[in-house]
């Protein structure tokens, strides 16, 4: 396993992070325990979850993933072996604290304390804002439209002051962002420097061969400011494993079960580009999924790649990507293809 520092902290996290969002929906507790056991034995020390998981996110399953992780900690008594990341939900879900702005002191306090109870732990190592309160582009949206009269949202300084209180209480150790823009990360970093407030140590955004938009602006900030990417969806929701090639739709796959919910990677040019990336993997005798994950892992702006799996076979393949070597020729062919088909699924 490979390791990098989380921001400028003393925490060294595995460059493969275990994602958990299927636990409680596509995976039951027994399967989740098996995944956590195997990941830990494989050298992974970094797990990522969220209060609203599993995904797809529904009121009836809210908090289920954190409960499963908490039960595992209780059984294994190994909390200190895991660097644990979780997230507070952004606005918009009516069944999460009435759906309004979420980053007030009252809501953050409740979210943290409820997560700690479900996780059966005294602290969360990395606490992230799942998505911005302000109206901006995230989850693959384009064509930003600014509102002169904006809806109410908590400003950056206020949020950092609130989070600092919980850091001082020992309930969270470090903070990060998710689904954030260049402007958002820059403002948080600026305020933290000017006001001597906690720093955002990471940004959890989508990054994969079909969506390399992080490289446009956020990559430079990540490197210069030591606030690295936690790349989610490195396999583009399974499309970069090749399992959906030729209009195949495997039973129990995410697209079979939740195609209407996960539409980000089902775009007009997706199948064309996937075939070409698949051909690169085939030419160099690489597993398509492992090539896709490794490409993410080797980026200088990246801290960790968040992998997810519904079967142990998938998990083992994904973790084994750490041992894959991408030659300069392979990387050049990938980049040449990106020039011809830039970001088909932003």
Protein backbone atom coordinates (compact mmCIF):
# COMPACT_ATOMS: atom_id res chain seq x y z
CA UNK A 1 0.00 0.00 0.00
CA UNK A 2 1.07 3.58 -0.65
CA UNK A 3 0.57 6.48 1.74
CA UNK A 4 0.40 10.28 1.61
CA UNK A 5 -0.05 12.97 4.21
CA UNK A 6 -3.55 14.36 4.64
CA UNK A 7 -2.99 18.05 3.92
CA UNK A 8 -0.31 19.37 6.25
CA UNK A 9 -1.40 17.13 9.13
CA UNK A 10 0.61 14.32 10.67
CA UNK A 11 -1.87 11.75 9.40
CA UNK A 12 -0.58 9.41 6.70
CA UNK A 13 -3.53 7.97 4.80
CA UNK A 14 -3.48 5.09 2.34
CA UNK A 15 -3.74 6.28 -1.25
CA UNK A 16 -6.59 3.80 -1.61
CA UNK A 17 -9.52 4.77 0.62
CA UNK A 18 -12.38 2.38 1.33
CA UNK A 19 -15.69 3.87 0.22
CA UNK A 20 -18.80 2.76 2.07
CA UNK A 21 -21.87 4.18 0.35
CA UNK A 22 -23.33 0.81 -0.71
CA UNK A 23 -23.51 -0.53 2.84
CA UNK A 24 -27.09 -0.67 4.00
CA UNK A 25 -28.52 -0.73 0.47
CA UNK A 26 -26.63 -2.98 -1.96
CA UNK A 27 -24.53 -4.57 0.82
CA UNK A 28 -25.69 -5.88 4.19
CA UNK A 29 -23.73 -5.64 7.44
CA UNK A 30 -22.06 -9.03 7.06
CA UNK A 31 -20.74 -8.10 3.63
CA UNK A 32 -19.60 -4.70 4.87
CA UNK A 33 -17.70 -6.33 7.76
CA UNK A 34 -15.97 -8.63 5.26
CA UNK A 35 -14.95 -5.65 3.13
CA UNK A 36 -13.58 -3.71 6.11
CA UNK A 37 -11.66 -6.74 7.38
CA UNK A 38 -10.07 -7.35 3.99
CA UNK A 39 -9.27 -3.67 3.39
CA UNK A 40 -7.56 -3.31 6.76
CA UNK A 41 -5.58 -6.52 6.22
CA UNK A 42 -4.52 -5.15 2.81
CA UNK A 43 -3.00 -2.04 4.33
CA UNK A 44 -5.87 0.40 3.85
CA UNK A 45 -6.16 2.67 6.90
CA UNK A 46 -8.57 5.26 5.47
CA UNK A 47 -12.38 4.83 5.36
CA UNK A 48 -14.85 7.38 4.01
CA UNK A 49 -18.55 7.63 4.85
CA UNK A 50 -21.32 10.20 5.31
CA UNK A 51 -24.34 10.75 7.51
CA UNK A 52 -26.73 10.34 4.55
CA UNK A 53 -25.27 7.04 3.31
CA UNK A 54 -26.12 4.57 1.88
CA UNK A 55 -26.58 5.98 -1.60
CA UNK A 56 -29.06 6.28 -3.24
CA UNK A 57 -30.06 8.36 -0.24
CA UNK A 58 -33.48 7.83 1.29
CA UNK A 59 -35.04 8.77 4.60
CA UNK A 60 -35.61 5.13 5.53
CA UNK A 61 -31.90 4.26 5.22
CA UNK A 62 -30.41 7.54 6.51
CA UNK A 63 -27.46 6.82 8.83
CA UNK A 64 -27.40 3.08 8.14
CA UNK A 65 -23.83 3.03 6.80
CA UNK A 66 -22.43 4.83 9.84
CA UNK A 67 -24.28 2.37 12.10
CA UNK A 68 -22.66 -0.57 10.31
CA UNK A 69 -19.20 0.94 10.71
CA UNK A 70 -19.94 1.63 14.38
CA UNK A 71 -20.95 -1.98 14.94
CA UNK A 72 -17.70 -3.10 13.32
CA UNK A 73 -15.65 -0.84 15.60
CA UNK A 74 -17.51 -2.23 18.60
CA UNK A 75 -16.87 -5.83 17.58
CA UNK A 76 -13.27 -5.42 16.45
CA UNK A 77 -12.19 -2.82 19.05
CA UNK A 78 -9.84 -1.36 16.46
CA UNK A 79 -10.96 2.26 16.10
CA UNK A 80 -7.37 3.52 16.43
CA UNK A 81 -6.32 1.56 13.32
CA UNK A 82 -8.62 3.53 11.02
CA UNK A 83 -8.46 7.14 9.85
CA UNK A 84 -12.17 7.83 9.54
CA UNK A 85 -13.78 10.46 7.33
CA UNK A 86 -17.45 11.39 7.39
CA UNK A 87 -19.61 14.21 6.07
CA UNK A 88 -22.42 16.50 7.11
CA UNK A 89 -25.16 16.73 4.49
CA UNK A 90 -25.60 19.89 2.48
CA UNK A 91 -29.05 21.49 2.04
CA UNK A 92 -31.93 20.13 -0.02
CA UNK A 93 -32.96 16.91 1.71
CA UNK A 94 -36.19 17.62 3.55
CA UNK A 95 -35.67 14.70 5.93
CA UNK A 96 -32.26 15.95 7.10
CA UNK A 97 -32.84 18.68 9.70
CA UNK A 98 -35.74 20.12 7.68
CA UNK A 99 -33.72 20.53 4.50
CA UNK A 100 -32.64 24.17 4.85
CA UNK A 101 -29.11 25.56 5.27
CA UNK A 102 -27.13 22.95 7.19
CA UNK A 103 -23.93 24.65 8.29
CA UNK A 104 -25.25 26.59 11.28
CA UNK A 105 -23.82 25.82 14.71
CA UNK A 106 -27.01 24.08 15.82
CA UNK A 107 -27.11 21.80 12.77
CA UNK A 108 -23.39 21.04 12.74
CA UNK A 109 -23.52 20.19 16.45
CA UNK A 110 -26.43 17.80 15.96
CA UNK A 111 -24.89 16.22 12.85
CA UNK A 112 -21.56 15.57 14.56
CA UNK A 113 -23.06 14.21 17.76
CA UNK A 114 -25.48 11.95 15.89
CA UNK A 115 -22.69 10.62 13.66
CA UNK A 116 -20.50 9.92 16.69
CA UNK A 117 -23.31 7.90 18.26
CA UNK A 118 -23.91 5.86 15.12
CA UNK A 119 -20.18 5.33 14.59
CA UNK A 120 -19.70 4.41 18.27
CA UNK A 121 -16.60 6.58 18.50
CA UNK A 122 -15.49 9.71 20.33
CA UNK A 123 -14.00 11.46 17.31
CA UNK A 124 -14.00 11.72 13.52
CA UNK A 125 -10.59 12.21 11.90
CA UNK A 126 -11.78 14.16 8.86
CA UNK A 127 -15.13 15.94 8.87
CA UNK A 128 -16.31 17.17 5.47
CA UNK A 129 -19.04 19.47 4.15
CA UNK A 130 -20.81 17.19 1.67
CA UNK A 131 -21.76 19.93 -0.79
CA UNK A 132 -22.01 23.77 -0.72
CA UNK A 133 -24.98 25.62 0.70
CA UNK A 134 -24.69 28.38 -1.89
CA UNK A 135 -26.11 27.97 -5.38
CA UNK A 136 -23.16 26.84 -7.47
CA UNK A 137 -22.09 24.07 -9.83
CA UNK A 138 -21.49 20.65 -8.32
CA UNK A 139 -22.46 17.03 -9.05
CA UNK A 140 -21.45 17.56 -12.68
CA UNK A 141 -23.46 20.71 -13.39
CA UNK A 142 -22.29 23.17 -16.04
CA UNK A 143 -23.31 26.69 -17.08
CA UNK A 144 -23.04 28.52 -13.75
CA UNK A 145 -25.77 31.14 -13.37
CA UNK A 146 -25.15 33.70 -10.68
CA UNK A 147 -28.04 35.02 -8.59
CA UNK A 148 -27.74 38.69 -7.66
CA UNK A 149 -30.11 38.12 -4.76
CA UNK A 150 -28.96 34.83 -3.29
CA UNK A 151 -30.69 32.49 -0.92
CA UNK A 152 -29.30 32.53 2.60
CA UNK A 153 -26.16 30.50 3.31
CA UNK A 154 -23.61 30.47 6.10
CA UNK A 155 -20.45 32.33 5.15
CA UNK A 156 -16.98 30.81 5.18
CA UNK A 157 -15.70 32.49 8.34
CA UNK A 158 -18.77 31.55 10.34
CA UNK A 159 -18.48 27.90 9.28
CA UNK A 160 -14.79 27.73 10.18
CA UNK A 161 -15.40 29.31 13.59
CA UNK A 162 -18.10 26.73 14.29
CA UNK A 163 -15.94 23.81 13.17
CA UNK A 164 -13.03 25.08 15.26
CA UNK A 165 -15.17 24.72 18.39
CA UNK A 166 -15.67 21.01 17.71
CA UNK A 167 -11.99 20.54 16.90
CA UNK A 168 -11.11 22.06 20.28
CA UNK A 169 -13.64 19.72 21.92
CA UNK A 170 -11.88 16.76 20.30
CA UNK A 171 -14.99 15.58 18.44
CA UNK A 172 -13.40 16.14 15.04
CA UNK A 173 -9.69 16.36 14.25
CA UNK A 174 -9.50 17.92 10.78
CA UNK A 175 -11.90 19.36 8.20
CA UNK A 176 -12.41 19.06 4.46
CA UNK A 177 -14.75 19.86 1.59
CA UNK A 178 -16.68 17.82 -0.94
CA UNK A 179 -18.20 18.68 -4.32
CA UNK A 180 -16.58 22.10 -4.05
CA UNK A 181 -15.42 24.59 -6.68
CA UNK A 182 -12.13 26.43 -7.13
CA UNK A 183 -13.65 29.61 -5.75
CA UNK A 184 -15.10 27.84 -2.73
CA UNK A 185 -11.84 26.13 -1.79
CA UNK A 186 -9.88 29.35 -2.36
CA UNK A 187 -12.20 31.36 -0.11
CA UNK A 188 -12.04 28.82 2.70
CA UNK A 189 -8.24 28.78 2.51
CA UNK A 190 -8.05 32.57 2.37
CA UNK A 191 -10.27 33.02 5.42
CA UNK A 192 -8.46 30.36 7.41
CA UNK A 193 -5.15 32.18 6.82
CA UNK A 194 -6.46 35.69 7.49
CA UNK A 195 -8.39 34.73 10.63
CA UNK A 196 -6.08 31.94 11.86
CA UNK A 197 -8.85 29.37 11.63
CA UNK A 198 -8.74 25.64 10.78
CA UNK A 199 -7.69 24.76 7.26
CA UNK A 200 -9.60 22.62 4.79
CA UNK A 201 -7.22 19.68 4.37
CA UNK A 202 -8.88 18.00 1.40
CA UNK A 203 -11.49 18.21 -1.31
CA UNK A 204 -13.58 15.17 -2.18
CA UNK A 205 -14.68 15.58 -5.80
CA UNK A 206 -15.36 13.29 -8.72
CA UNK A 207 -12.27 12.40 -10.77
CA UNK A 208 -11.80 9.70 -13.37
CA UNK A 209 -10.93 9.11 -17.02
CA UNK A 210 -14.34 10.43 -18.09
CA UNK A 211 -14.24 13.46 -15.80
CA UNK A 212 -10.90 15.24 -15.41
CA UNK A 213 -12.32 18.71 -14.79
CA UNK A 214 -10.52 18.84 -11.42
CA UNK A 215 -7.32 19.44 -13.37
CA UNK A 216 -8.54 22.78 -14.76
CA UNK A 217 -8.35 24.88 -11.60
CA UNK A 218 -8.50 22.82 -8.45
CA UNK A 219 -5.37 20.77 -9.17
CA UNK A 220 -3.07 23.78 -8.82
CA UNK A 221 -4.70 24.86 -5.57
CA UNK A 222 -4.45 21.32 -4.18
CA UNK A 223 -0.71 21.16 -4.82
CA UNK A 224 0.22 24.69 -3.80
CA UNK A 225 -1.95 24.77 -0.69
CA UNK A 226 -1.52 21.13 0.36
CA UNK A 227 -5.25 20.49 0.21
CA UNK A 228 -5.37 17.35 -1.89
CA UNK A 229 -8.09 15.57 -3.79
CA UNK A 230 -9.97 12.61 -2.39
CA UNK A 231 -11.18 11.23 -5.71
CA UNK A 232 -14.60 9.67 -5.61
CA UNK A 233 -16.07 7.63 -8.46
CA UNK A 234 -12.69 6.68 -9.98
CA UNK A 235 -14.51 3.99 -11.97
CA UNK A 236 -17.30 6.36 -13.06
CA UNK A 237 -19.99 4.39 -11.29
CA UNK A 238 -18.73 1.12 -12.79
CA UNK A 239 -18.54 2.29 -16.41
CA UNK A 240 -14.73 2.14 -16.31
CA UNK A 241 -14.75 -1.53 -15.34
CA UNK A 242 -16.16 -2.41 -18.75
CA UNK A 243 -19.18 -4.20 -17.32
CA UNK A 244 -21.65 -1.96 -19.19
CA UNK A 245 -19.93 -2.35 -22.56
CA UNK A 246 -22.05 -3.38 -25.56
CA UNK A 247 -25.21 -2.28 -23.73
CA UNK A 248 -24.69 -4.96 -21.10
CA UNK A 249 -26.66 -4.41 -17.89
CA UNK A 250 -25.60 -6.94 -15.22
CA UNK A 251 -28.06 -8.01 -12.56
CA UNK A 252 -27.73 -6.08 -9.27
CA UNK A 253 -25.44 -3.50 -10.89
CA UNK A 254 -25.96 0.15 -10.04
CA UNK A 255 -27.25 1.00 -13.51
CA UNK A 256 -29.65 -1.94 -13.40
CA UNK A 257 -31.02 -0.94 -10.01
CA UNK A 258 -30.72 2.86 -9.96
CA UNK A 259 -30.21 4.14 -13.52
CA UNK A 260 -32.61 7.05 -12.98
CA UNK A 261 -30.67 8.13 -9.88
CA UNK A 262 -27.15 7.80 -11.31
CA UNK A 263 -27.22 9.60 -14.67
CA UNK A 264 -23.87 11.42 -14.53
CA UNK A 265 -21.91 8.87 -16.57
CA UNK A 266 -24.64 7.82 -18.97
CA UNK A 267 -23.97 10.42 -21.66
CA UNK A 268 -24.01 10.35 -25.50
CA UNK A 269 -20.25 9.82 -26.02
CA UNK A 270 -19.64 7.63 -22.98
CA UNK A 271 -19.73 4.26 -24.75
CA UNK A 272 -17.45 5.48 -27.57
CA UNK A 273 -14.78 6.78 -25.18
CA UNK A 274 -15.00 3.77 -22.87
CA UNK A 275 -14.29 1.45 -25.81
CA UNK A 276 -11.15 3.41 -26.63
CA UNK A 277 -9.90 3.38 -23.03
CA UNK A 278 -10.74 -0.31 -22.85
CA UNK A 279 -8.62 -0.90 -25.95
CA UNK A 280 -5.65 0.80 -24.26
CA UNK A 281 -5.98 -1.48 -21.24
CA UNK A 282 -6.30 -4.53 -23.48
CA UNK A 283 -3.28 -3.57 -25.59
CA UNK A 284 -1.05 -3.37 -22.52
CA UNK A 285 -2.58 -6.41 -20.82
CA UNK A 286 -4.04 -4.38 -17.96
CA UNK A 287 -7.27 -4.85 -16.07
CA UNK A 288 -9.48 -1.95 -17.18
CA UNK A 289 -10.61 -1.08 -13.65
CA UNK A 290 -7.07 -1.21 -12.28
CA UNK A 291 -5.74 1.02 -15.05
CA UNK A 292 -8.52 3.52 -14.35
CA UNK A 293 -7.86 3.62 -10.61
CA UNK A 294 -4.09 3.78 -10.98
CA UNK A 295 -4.34 6.75 -13.32
CA UNK A 296 -6.09 8.63 -10.52
CA UNK A 297 -3.68 7.49 -7.81
CA UNK A 298 -0.54 8.75 -9.55
CA UNK A 299 -1.74 12.36 -9.91
CA UNK A 300 0.35 14.80 -7.85
CA UNK A 301 -2.71 16.69 -6.65
CA UNK A 302 -4.32 13.54 -5.27
CA UNK A 303 -4.25 12.38 -1.66
CA UNK A 304 -6.38 9.23 -1.94
CA UNK A 305 -8.65 7.37 -4.37
CA UNK A 306 -11.98 6.30 -2.87
CA UNK A 307 -12.92 2.85 -4.13
CA UNK A 308 -16.27 1.15 -3.62
CA UNK A 309 -17.38 -2.39 -4.31
CA UNK A 310 -20.46 -4.55 -3.88
CA UNK A 311 -18.58 -7.87 -4.15
CA UNK A 312 -15.34 -9.12 -2.65
CA UNK A 313 -14.04 -9.92 -6.12
CA UNK A 314 -14.47 -6.27 -7.15
CA UNK A 315 -12.83 -5.08 -3.94
CA UNK A 316 -9.78 -7.30 -4.41
CA UNK A 317 -9.33 -6.17 -8.01
CA UNK A 318 -9.62 -2.50 -7.02
CA UNK A 319 -7.14 -2.74 -4.15
CA UNK A 320 -4.65 -4.64 -6.30
CA UNK A 321 -4.44 -1.54 -8.53
CA UNK A 322 -1.73 -0.22 -6.19
CA UNK A 323 0.67 -2.73 -7.75
CA UNK A 324 -0.06 -1.70 -11.33
CA UNK A 325 2.54 0.29 -13.27
CA UNK A 326 1.45 2.76 -15.92
CA UNK A 327 4.30 3.42 -18.33
CA UNK A 328 4.88 6.78 -20.02
CA UNK A 329 3.49 5.28 -23.22
CA UNK A 330 0.23 4.25 -21.53
CA UNK A 331 -0.19 7.66 -19.90
CA UNK A 332 0.52 9.38 -23.23
CA UNK A 333 -2.16 7.32 -24.97
CA UNK A 334 -4.66 8.13 -22.22
CA UNK A 335 -3.86 11.84 -22.48
CA UNK A 336 -4.06 11.79 -26.28
CA UNK A 337 -7.55 10.32 -26.01
CA UNK A 338 -8.53 13.00 -23.48
CA UNK A 339 -7.60 15.65 -26.05
CA UNK A 340 -9.90 14.10 -28.65
CA UNK A 341 -12.76 13.40 -26.22
CA UNK A 342 -12.36 15.89 -23.34
CA UNK A 343 -14.42 15.12 -20.26
CA UNK A 344 -17.48 13.44 -21.78
CA UNK A 345 -19.03 13.23 -18.30
CA UNK A 346 -18.10 16.45 -16.41
